[in-house]
């Protein structure tokens, strides 16, 4: 048994209405938690994906496979225990907005607060739980996180933007699939596959990059704050918004909303 597409839209609309009405304090606290949870998945993917250099050096697909297996932990925690994730909210708030349950201002307020909270949570986890604990201080992880950070800011603006679309298209499809599954096990499986896919494909997720690139800078990567923000974070964020809000939230609202 699974929820129908129309029922999924109804659940997304209800969730979006609730999120739009949260207080500033609750939104920020839950957003900080989401930043931590996504960073947990990102750290897990770093340790697992780059922890076997003798196996992955000549097998780059294997490295992506291992990283992809681990990374979905973050979204699973966000959905199952409850937290506010900017990229997921890009889609979830669209049905309520399009169906006139709330206006543009509450939606933009939520996105702004959640983005800020995600950034705070990601930086906290990168610094306090990974850098200070020296988890990424030794090779192969030290070299890997430096390569990751430097590689992400060397991509062109257009490439990051397009990869941002792909990342959140899959993240929000994962959220939609999670809403279609009535059981906990079904939700976890539904969330896992699309996230595994986006990591294996090498797409750009703005919130994950709030962990990867600052951690790389902490470990000595040749990346400036300006490069981080302008070359990666801005185009990835814009792409994420388009991928989630338009290709998932808007599309499925247009397809499945009830006709008057």
Protein backbone atom coordinates (compact mmCIF):
# COMPACT_ATOMS: atom_id res chain seq x y z
CA UNK A 1 0.00 0.00 0.00
CA UNK A 2 1.13 3.52 -0.74
CA UNK A 3 -0.42 6.97 -0.80
CA UNK A 4 -1.74 8.14 -4.15
CA UNK A 5 -0.15 11.15 -5.92
CA UNK A 6 -3.19 13.23 -4.90
CA UNK A 7 -2.78 12.16 -1.28
CA UNK A 8 0.94 12.99 -1.42
CA UNK A 9 0.06 16.47 -2.65
CA UNK A 10 -2.42 16.88 0.22
CA UNK A 11 0.21 15.80 2.76
CA UNK A 12 2.78 18.17 1.23
CA UNK A 13 0.27 21.03 1.37
CA UNK A 14 -0.50 20.32 5.03
CA UNK A 15 3.20 20.13 5.87
CA UNK A 16 3.92 23.35 4.00
CA UNK A 17 1.12 25.19 5.79
CA UNK A 18 2.49 24.05 9.15
CA UNK A 19 6.04 25.07 8.26
CA UNK A 20 4.96 28.49 7.03
CA UNK A 21 3.26 29.12 10.40
CA UNK A 22 6.18 28.08 12.63
CA UNK A 23 7.63 30.72 14.92
CA UNK A 24 11.05 32.17 14.13
CA UNK A 25 12.57 30.40 17.14
CA UNK A 26 11.19 26.98 16.22
CA UNK A 27 12.14 27.37 12.56
CA UNK A 28 15.73 28.34 13.36
CA UNK A 29 16.22 25.58 15.93
CA UNK A 30 14.85 22.89 13.62
CA UNK A 31 16.92 24.30 10.74
CA UNK A 32 20.11 24.12 12.82
CA UNK A 33 19.33 20.47 13.53
CA UNK A 34 18.84 19.79 9.82
CA UNK A 35 22.23 21.35 9.06
CA UNK A 36 23.79 19.03 11.64
CA UNK A 37 21.97 15.97 10.26
CA UNK A 38 22.99 16.65 6.65
CA UNK A 39 26.56 17.16 7.89
CA UNK A 40 26.41 13.81 9.67
CA UNK A 41 25.53 12.14 6.38
CA UNK A 42 28.20 14.14 4.56
CA UNK A 43 30.85 13.19 7.12
CA UNK A 44 29.79 9.54 6.89
CA UNK A 45 30.09 9.71 3.09
CA UNK A 46 33.56 11.29 3.39
CA UNK A 47 34.86 8.61 5.77
CA UNK A 48 33.35 5.67 3.88
CA UNK A 49 33.82 6.93 0.35
CA UNK A 50 37.47 7.97 0.70
CA UNK A 51 38.57 5.47 3.33
CA UNK A 52 39.69 2.76 0.88
CA UNK A 53 42.13 4.53 -1.49
CA UNK A 54 43.81 1.28 -2.51
CA UNK A 55 40.45 0.06 -3.88
CA UNK A 56 39.07 3.28 -5.31
CA UNK A 57 42.18 4.81 -6.90
CA UNK A 58 41.59 2.98 -10.16
CA UNK A 59 37.85 2.62 -9.64
CA UNK A 60 36.27 6.10 -9.32
CA UNK A 61 32.80 4.63 -9.59
CA UNK A 62 33.43 2.59 -6.45
CA UNK A 63 34.28 5.75 -4.49
CA UNK A 64 31.00 7.35 -5.63
CA UNK A 65 29.14 4.16 -4.77
CA UNK A 66 30.51 4.12 -1.22
CA UNK A 67 29.84 7.84 -0.68
CA UNK A 68 26.34 7.45 -2.08
CA UNK A 69 25.53 4.57 0.24
CA UNK A 70 26.36 6.67 3.31
CA UNK A 71 25.08 10.15 2.49
CA UNK A 72 21.28 9.45 2.69
CA UNK A 73 21.60 9.21 6.49
CA UNK A 74 21.20 13.01 6.60
CA UNK A 75 17.81 13.24 4.87
CA UNK A 76 16.55 10.15 6.66
CA UNK A 77 17.23 11.87 10.00
CA UNK A 78 15.65 15.13 8.81
CA UNK A 79 12.43 13.42 7.77
CA UNK A 80 12.14 10.73 10.42
CA UNK A 81 13.00 12.71 13.57
CA UNK A 82 11.86 16.11 12.31
CA UNK A 83 13.95 19.08 11.16
CA UNK A 84 13.77 21.95 8.67
CA UNK A 85 15.86 21.52 5.52
CA UNK A 86 16.05 24.35 2.98
CA UNK A 87 16.27 22.11 -0.07
CA UNK A 88 13.31 19.93 0.93
CA UNK A 89 11.24 23.01 1.79
CA UNK A 90 11.85 24.36 -1.72
CA UNK A 91 9.28 21.80 -2.88
CA UNK A 92 7.13 21.19 0.18
CA UNK A 93 5.98 24.81 0.56
CA UNK A 94 5.04 25.21 -3.11
CA UNK A 95 1.64 23.41 -3.00
CA UNK A 96 0.33 25.58 -0.16
CA UNK A 97 1.59 28.71 -1.92
CA UNK A 98 0.12 27.78 -5.30
CA UNK A 99 -3.20 26.76 -3.75
CA UNK A 100 -3.33 30.10 -1.90
CA UNK A 101 -3.11 28.72 1.64
CA UNK A 102 -0.41 31.29 2.38
CA UNK A 103 1.36 34.03 0.45
CA UNK A 104 4.83 34.61 -0.94
CA UNK A 105 6.13 36.34 2.17
CA UNK A 106 5.64 33.39 4.59
CA UNK A 107 7.30 31.05 2.07
CA UNK A 108 10.32 33.31 1.55
CA UNK A 109 10.53 33.89 5.32
CA UNK A 110 10.70 30.14 5.89
CA UNK A 111 13.29 29.58 3.19
CA UNK A 112 15.48 32.41 4.51
CA UNK A 113 15.36 31.33 8.15
CA UNK A 114 15.89 27.69 7.29
CA UNK A 115 18.83 28.47 4.99
CA UNK A 116 20.47 30.48 7.78
CA UNK A 117 19.83 27.77 10.37
CA UNK A 118 21.15 25.05 8.06
CA UNK A 119 24.35 27.07 7.59
CA UNK A 120 24.81 27.48 11.34
CA UNK A 121 24.25 23.78 12.00
CA UNK A 122 26.59 22.71 9.20
CA UNK A 123 29.41 24.99 10.35
CA UNK A 124 28.99 23.87 13.96
CA UNK A 125 29.22 20.19 13.07
CA UNK A 126 32.15 20.69 10.67
CA UNK A 127 34.16 22.66 13.23
CA UNK A 128 33.21 21.14 16.58
CA UNK A 129 32.55 17.52 15.69
CA UNK A 130 34.94 16.86 12.80
CA UNK A 131 37.76 19.46 12.73
CA UNK A 132 38.34 19.81 16.49
CA UNK A 133 38.02 16.07 17.03
CA UNK A 134 40.67 15.56 14.28
CA UNK A 135 38.52 13.04 12.43
CA UNK A 136 39.55 14.59 9.11
CA UNK A 137 43.11 15.42 10.17
CA UNK A 138 44.75 12.23 8.92
CA UNK A 139 45.05 10.91 5.39
CA UNK A 140 43.33 9.73 3.30
CA UNK A 141 40.51 11.96 4.58
CA UNK A 142 42.62 15.09 5.04
CA UNK A 143 43.74 15.07 1.42
CA UNK A 144 40.28 14.07 0.24
CA UNK A 145 38.41 16.96 1.88
CA UNK A 146 40.96 19.43 0.52
CA UNK A 147 40.49 18.01 -3.00
CA UNK A 148 36.71 18.14 -2.60
CA UNK A 149 36.69 21.78 -1.48
CA UNK A 150 39.12 22.96 -4.14
CA UNK A 151 37.38 20.96 -6.86
CA UNK A 152 33.94 22.38 -6.07
CA UNK A 153 35.06 26.01 -6.43
CA UNK A 154 36.92 25.29 -9.67
CA UNK A 155 33.74 24.28 -11.49
CA UNK A 156 32.17 26.91 -13.73
CA UNK A 157 29.14 28.85 -12.48
CA UNK A 158 26.91 27.19 -15.10
CA UNK A 159 28.07 23.68 -14.20
CA UNK A 160 27.41 24.25 -10.48
CA UNK A 161 24.00 25.77 -11.28
CA UNK A 162 22.95 22.82 -13.45
CA UNK A 163 24.30 20.30 -10.94
CA UNK A 164 22.33 22.18 -8.28
CA UNK A 165 19.14 21.62 -10.26
CA UNK A 166 19.88 17.91 -10.49
CA UNK A 167 20.69 17.57 -6.80
CA UNK A 168 17.49 19.09 -5.48
CA UNK A 169 15.34 17.54 -8.16
CA UNK A 170 16.39 14.19 -6.68
CA UNK A 171 16.26 15.37 -3.04
CA UNK A 172 12.69 16.61 -3.44
CA UNK A 173 11.68 13.48 -5.33
CA UNK A 174 12.99 11.61 -2.30
CA UNK A 175 10.79 13.75 -0.04
CA UNK A 176 7.80 13.11 -2.33
CA UNK A 177 8.49 9.38 -2.28
CA UNK A 178 8.75 9.52 1.51
CA UNK A 179 5.28 11.08 1.67
CA UNK A 180 3.94 8.27 -0.49
CA UNK A 181 5.14 5.56 1.92
CA UNK A 182 2.92 4.99 5.00
CA UNK A 183 5.44 2.83 6.92
CA UNK A 184 8.73 3.84 8.52
CA UNK A 185 10.67 1.21 6.60
CA UNK A 186 9.07 2.29 3.35
CA UNK A 187 9.96 5.92 4.01
CA UNK A 188 13.60 5.12 4.74
CA UNK A 189 13.92 3.08 1.54
CA UNK A 190 12.14 5.77 -0.50
CA UNK A 191 14.44 8.48 0.86
CA UNK A 192 17.59 6.44 0.36
CA UNK A 193 17.57 5.69 -3.39
CA UNK A 194 17.25 9.20 -4.89
CA UNK A 195 19.88 10.61 -2.49
CA UNK A 196 22.22 7.73 -3.31
CA UNK A 197 21.69 8.63 -6.97
CA UNK A 198 22.45 12.36 -6.67
CA UNK A 199 25.66 11.73 -4.71
CA UNK A 200 26.85 9.06 -7.16
CA UNK A 201 26.17 11.42 -10.08
CA UNK A 202 28.18 14.23 -8.46
CA UNK A 203 25.43 16.84 -8.24
CA UNK A 204 25.78 19.95 -6.05
CA UNK A 205 23.72 20.28 -2.86
CA UNK A 206 24.06 23.71 -1.22
CA UNK A 207 23.55 22.51 2.35
CA UNK A 208 26.00 19.63 1.99
CA UNK A 209 28.52 22.10 0.57
CA UNK A 210 28.09 24.21 3.72
CA UNK A 211 29.85 21.27 5.38
CA UNK A 212 32.32 20.08 2.75
CA UNK A 213 33.88 23.37 1.66
CA UNK A 214 34.24 25.02 5.11
CA UNK A 215 35.75 21.80 6.46
CA UNK A 216 38.17 21.79 3.53
CA UNK A 217 39.11 25.40 4.32
CA UNK A 218 39.69 24.46 7.96
CA UNK A 219 41.98 21.65 6.82
CA UNK A 220 44.03 23.99 4.63
CA UNK A 221 42.35 23.99 1.22
CA UNK A 222 43.37 26.86 -1.06
CA UNK A 223 39.84 28.29 -1.12
CA UNK A 224 38.73 31.76 -0.03
CA UNK A 225 35.39 32.61 1.56
CA UNK A 226 34.56 34.66 -1.54
CA UNK A 227 35.25 31.69 -3.82
CA UNK A 228 33.13 29.44 -1.61
CA UNK A 229 30.16 31.80 -1.70
CA UNK A 230 30.37 33.16 -5.26
CA UNK A 231 31.71 30.17 -7.18
CA UNK A 232 29.72 27.44 -5.44
CA UNK A 233 27.16 28.40 -2.84
CA UNK A 234 25.23 30.97 -4.88
CA UNK A 235 24.87 28.97 -8.12
CA UNK A 236 24.19 25.73 -6.20
CA UNK A 237 21.49 27.44 -4.14
CA UNK A 238 19.77 28.97 -7.17
CA UNK A 239 19.90 25.62 -8.94
CA UNK A 240 18.55 23.85 -5.85
CA UNK A 241 15.59 26.23 -5.67
CA UNK A 242 14.76 25.67 -9.34
CA UNK A 243 15.16 21.90 -9.12
CA UNK A 244 12.95 21.55 -6.05
CA UNK A 245 10.39 24.32 -6.40
CA UNK A 246 9.73 24.05 -10.15
CA UNK A 247 10.49 20.48 -11.18
CA UNK A 248 8.90 18.83 -8.14
CA UNK A 249 6.67 21.16 -6.09
CA UNK A 250 5.17 23.14 -8.96
CA UNK A 251 4.94 20.26 -11.43
CA UNK A 252 3.13 17.90 -9.09
CA UNK A 253 0.81 20.63 -7.84
CA UNK A 254 -0.21 21.40 -11.42
CA UNK A 255 -0.63 17.71 -12.24
CA UNK A 256 -2.47 16.49 -9.13
CA UNK A 257 -4.44 19.40 -7.70
CA UNK A 258 -8.21 18.96 -7.61
CA UNK A 259 -10.13 20.64 -10.37
CA UNK A 260 -12.80 23.12 -9.36
